[in-house]
């Protein structure tokens, strides 16, 4: 039985954003801007592997399965916040 919810839709957009670490928010902004992990890592002064770890955490927290869905959620959160 379904509740009519969209699969992989983030629950509580603003609350979800509040649950992210400052670095996860920075990585989220980079993904939203279309930047590569390597570029995000360079900008933040961290290793690319660390960016990948943050991406994994973001996907888990936002309840999505891939980078494209992270970018879509980031855009929705930005629209909701602004």
N, C-alpha and C. Protein backbone atom coordinates (compact mmCIF):
# COMPACT_ATOMS: atom_id res chain seq x y z
N UNK A 1 0.84 -1.19 0.00
CA UNK A 1 0.00 0.00 0.00
C UNK A 1 0.88 1.24 0.00
N UNK A 2 0.56 2.19 -0.87
CA UNK A 2 1.36 3.41 -0.94
C UNK A 2 0.61 4.57 -0.33
N UNK A 3 1.35 5.58 0.04
CA UNK A 3 0.75 6.77 0.62
C UNK A 3 0.60 7.88 -0.40
N UNK A 4 1.01 7.61 -1.63
CA UNK A 4 0.95 8.63 -2.66
C UNK A 4 2.20 9.49 -2.71
N UNK A 5 3.15 9.22 -1.83
CA UNK A 5 4.39 10.00 -1.81
C UNK A 5 5.25 9.62 -3.01
N UNK A 6 6.01 10.56 -3.47
CA UNK A 6 6.94 10.33 -4.58
C UNK A 6 8.12 9.54 -4.03
N UNK A 7 8.51 8.44 -4.68
CA UNK A 7 9.67 7.69 -4.19
C UNK A 7 10.91 8.57 -4.13
N UNK A 8 11.67 8.38 -3.10
CA UNK A 8 12.94 9.09 -2.89
C UNK A 8 12.75 10.59 -2.67
N UNK A 9 11.54 10.99 -2.35
CA UNK A 9 11.33 12.41 -2.06
C UNK A 9 11.89 12.70 -0.68
N UNK A 10 12.66 13.77 -0.51
CA UNK A 10 13.19 14.07 0.80
C UNK A 10 12.06 14.43 1.76
N UNK A 11 12.19 14.01 2.99
CA UNK A 11 11.15 14.33 3.96
C UNK A 11 11.54 15.60 4.69
N UNK A 12 10.66 16.56 4.75
CA UNK A 12 10.90 17.80 5.47
C UNK A 12 12.09 18.57 4.96
N UNK A 13 12.00 19.14 3.77
CA UNK A 13 13.10 19.81 3.12
C UNK A 13 13.94 20.70 4.01
N UNK A 14 13.32 21.62 4.73
CA UNK A 14 14.07 22.55 5.56
C UNK A 14 14.70 21.82 6.72
N UNK A 15 13.97 20.89 7.34
CA UNK A 15 14.52 20.11 8.45
C UNK A 15 15.70 19.28 7.97
N UNK A 16 15.61 18.73 6.76
CA UNK A 16 16.69 17.93 6.21
C UNK A 16 17.94 18.79 6.05
N UNK A 17 17.79 20.00 5.53
CA UNK A 17 18.93 20.90 5.35
C UNK A 17 19.57 21.20 6.70
N UNK A 18 18.76 21.36 7.73
CA UNK A 18 19.28 21.65 9.07
C UNK A 18 20.07 20.48 9.64
N UNK A 19 19.83 19.28 9.12
CA UNK A 19 20.53 18.10 9.62
C UNK A 19 21.89 17.89 8.95
N UNK A 20 22.19 18.67 7.93
CA UNK A 20 23.46 18.51 7.22
C UNK A 20 24.58 19.25 7.94
N UNK A 21 25.78 18.71 7.82
CA UNK A 21 26.94 19.38 8.39
C UNK A 21 27.31 20.56 7.48
N UNK A 22 28.07 21.52 7.99
CA UNK A 22 28.49 22.64 7.14
C UNK A 22 29.22 22.19 5.87
N UNK A 23 30.08 21.19 5.98
CA UNK A 23 30.80 20.71 4.79
C UNK A 23 29.84 20.03 3.82
N UNK A 24 28.87 19.28 4.33
CA UNK A 24 27.88 18.65 3.46
C UNK A 24 27.08 19.71 2.70
N UNK A 25 26.78 20.81 3.34
CA UNK A 25 26.06 21.90 2.66
C UNK A 25 26.93 22.47 1.55
N UNK A 26 28.23 22.63 1.80
CA UNK A 26 29.14 23.15 0.77
C UNK A 26 29.24 22.19 -0.40
N UNK A 27 29.32 20.88 -0.11
CA UNK A 27 29.35 19.89 -1.18
C UNK A 27 28.04 19.93 -1.96
N UNK A 28 26.93 20.04 -1.25
CA UNK A 28 25.61 20.13 -1.89
C UNK A 28 25.55 21.33 -2.84
N UNK A 29 26.08 22.46 -2.43
CA UNK A 29 26.12 23.65 -3.30
C UNK A 29 26.97 23.39 -4.55
N UNK A 30 28.08 22.69 -4.36
CA UNK A 30 28.94 22.35 -5.49
C UNK A 30 28.23 21.45 -6.49
N UNK A 31 27.53 20.45 -5.98
CA UNK A 31 26.78 19.55 -6.85
C UNK A 31 25.68 20.32 -7.57
N UNK A 32 25.01 21.18 -6.86
CA UNK A 32 23.94 22.00 -7.46
C UNK A 32 24.49 22.87 -8.59
N UNK A 33 25.74 23.30 -8.44
CA UNK A 33 26.38 24.13 -9.46
C UNK A 33 26.93 23.32 -10.62
N UNK A 34 26.85 22.00 -10.52
CA UNK A 34 27.33 21.15 -11.61
C UNK A 34 28.82 20.86 -11.57
N UNK A 35 29.44 21.09 -10.42
CA UNK A 35 30.88 20.89 -10.32
C UNK A 35 31.21 19.41 -10.12
N UNK A 36 32.37 19.00 -10.58
CA UNK A 36 32.87 17.64 -10.39
C UNK A 36 33.39 17.47 -8.97
N UNK A 37 33.43 16.23 -8.49
CA UNK A 37 33.98 15.97 -7.15
C UNK A 37 35.38 16.56 -7.01
N UNK A 38 36.20 16.41 -8.05
CA UNK A 38 37.57 16.92 -8.01
C UNK A 38 37.57 18.44 -7.83
N UNK A 39 36.67 19.14 -8.51
CA UNK A 39 36.58 20.60 -8.39
C UNK A 39 36.08 21.01 -7.01
N UNK A 40 35.09 20.29 -6.50
CA UNK A 40 34.56 20.58 -5.17
C UNK A 40 35.67 20.37 -4.14
N UNK A 41 36.42 19.27 -4.27
CA UNK A 41 37.51 18.98 -3.35
C UNK A 41 38.55 20.09 -3.36
N UNK A 42 38.93 20.54 -4.56
CA UNK A 42 39.91 21.61 -4.68
C UNK A 42 39.40 22.89 -4.01
N UNK A 43 38.15 23.25 -4.30
CA UNK A 43 37.55 24.47 -3.73
C UNK A 43 37.52 24.44 -2.20
N UNK A 44 37.25 23.24 -1.64
CA UNK A 44 37.11 23.12 -0.19
C UNK A 44 38.42 22.76 0.51
N UNK A 45 39.45 22.45 -0.29
CA UNK A 45 40.74 22.09 0.30
C UNK A 45 40.71 20.74 1.00
N UNK A 46 39.93 19.81 0.44
CA UNK A 46 39.84 18.46 1.00
C UNK A 46 40.11 17.45 -0.11
N UNK A 47 40.30 16.19 0.27
CA UNK A 47 40.56 15.14 -0.70
C UNK A 47 39.29 14.78 -1.47
N UNK A 48 39.47 14.34 -2.70
CA UNK A 48 38.33 13.91 -3.51
C UNK A 48 37.59 12.75 -2.83
N UNK A 49 38.33 11.87 -2.17
CA UNK A 49 37.70 10.75 -1.45
C UNK A 49 36.79 11.27 -0.33
N UNK A 50 37.17 12.38 0.28
CA UNK A 50 36.34 12.98 1.33
C UNK A 50 35.04 13.52 0.73
N UNK A 51 35.14 14.12 -0.44
CA UNK A 51 33.93 14.60 -1.13
C UNK A 51 33.01 13.41 -1.43
N UNK A 52 33.60 12.31 -1.88
CA UNK A 52 32.79 11.11 -2.17
C UNK A 52 32.10 10.61 -0.91
N UNK A 53 32.80 10.66 0.22
CA UNK A 53 32.20 10.23 1.48
C UNK A 53 31.04 11.16 1.86
N UNK A 54 31.22 12.46 1.64
CA UNK A 54 30.13 13.41 1.92
C UNK A 54 28.95 13.17 0.97
N UNK A 55 29.24 12.82 -0.27
CA UNK A 55 28.17 12.52 -1.23
C UNK A 55 27.36 11.31 -0.77
N UNK A 56 28.04 10.29 -0.29
CA UNK A 56 27.35 9.10 0.21
C UNK A 56 26.44 9.48 1.39
N UNK A 57 26.97 10.30 2.30
CA UNK A 57 26.18 10.74 3.45
C UNK A 57 24.99 11.59 3.00
N UNK A 58 25.22 12.46 2.02
CA UNK A 58 24.13 13.30 1.50
C UNK A 58 23.03 12.45 0.89
N UNK A 59 23.41 11.46 0.08
CA UNK A 59 22.41 10.59 -0.55
C UNK A 59 21.59 9.86 0.50
N UNK A 60 22.25 9.41 1.56
CA UNK A 60 21.54 8.72 2.63
C UNK A 60 20.59 9.68 3.35
N UNK A 61 21.08 10.86 3.71
CA UNK A 61 20.26 11.82 4.46
C UNK A 61 19.10 12.38 3.64
N UNK A 62 19.33 12.55 2.33
CA UNK A 62 18.29 13.11 1.47
C UNK A 62 17.40 12.03 0.87
N UNK A 63 17.73 10.77 1.17
CA UNK A 63 16.93 9.63 0.70
C UNK A 63 16.85 9.58 -0.82
N UNK A 64 18.01 9.73 -1.46
CA UNK A 64 18.10 9.63 -2.92
C UNK A 64 19.17 8.61 -3.28
N UNK A 65 19.22 8.22 -4.56
CA UNK A 65 20.11 7.14 -4.97
C UNK A 65 21.30 7.56 -5.83
N UNK A 66 21.26 8.78 -6.39
CA UNK A 66 22.37 9.15 -7.27
C UNK A 66 22.62 10.66 -7.24
N UNK A 67 23.71 11.05 -7.88
CA UNK A 67 24.16 12.45 -7.89
C UNK A 67 23.14 13.39 -8.53
N UNK A 68 22.49 12.92 -9.58
CA UNK A 68 21.47 13.75 -10.25
C UNK A 68 20.33 14.06 -9.30
N UNK A 69 19.91 13.07 -8.55
CA UNK A 69 18.83 13.30 -7.59
C UNK A 69 19.28 14.25 -6.48
N UNK A 70 20.55 14.17 -6.09
CA UNK A 70 21.09 15.11 -5.10
C UNK A 70 20.97 16.54 -5.65
N UNK A 71 21.35 16.72 -6.91
CA UNK A 71 21.28 18.05 -7.53
C UNK A 71 19.84 18.55 -7.60
N UNK A 72 18.90 17.67 -7.92
CA UNK A 72 17.49 18.06 -8.00
C UNK A 72 16.99 18.48 -6.61
N UNK A 73 17.33 17.72 -5.60
CA UNK A 73 16.92 18.06 -4.23
C UNK A 73 17.58 19.37 -3.81
N UNK A 74 18.86 19.55 -4.15
CA UNK A 74 19.55 20.80 -3.81
C UNK A 74 18.86 22.00 -4.43
N UNK A 75 18.43 21.85 -5.67
CA UNK A 75 17.72 22.95 -6.34
C UNK A 75 16.39 23.24 -5.65
N UNK A 76 15.68 22.18 -5.27
CA UNK A 76 14.40 22.35 -4.57
C UNK A 76 14.59 23.00 -3.21
N UNK A 77 15.64 22.58 -2.49
CA UNK A 77 15.91 23.19 -1.18
C UNK A 77 16.29 24.66 -1.33
N UNK A 78 17.06 24.98 -2.37
CA UNK A 78 17.44 26.38 -2.60
C UNK A 78 16.22 27.22 -2.94
N UNK A 79 15.32 26.67 -3.74
CA UNK A 79 14.09 27.40 -4.11
C UNK A 79 13.22 27.60 -2.88
N UNK A 80 13.17 26.61 -2.02
CA UNK A 80 12.34 26.67 -0.82
C UNK A 80 12.92 27.68 0.18
N UNK A 81 14.25 27.72 0.26
CA UNK A 81 14.92 28.60 1.22
C UNK A 81 14.93 30.06 0.76
N UNK A 82 14.90 30.26 -0.55
CA UNK A 82 15.08 31.61 -1.06
C UNK A 82 13.85 32.16 -1.61
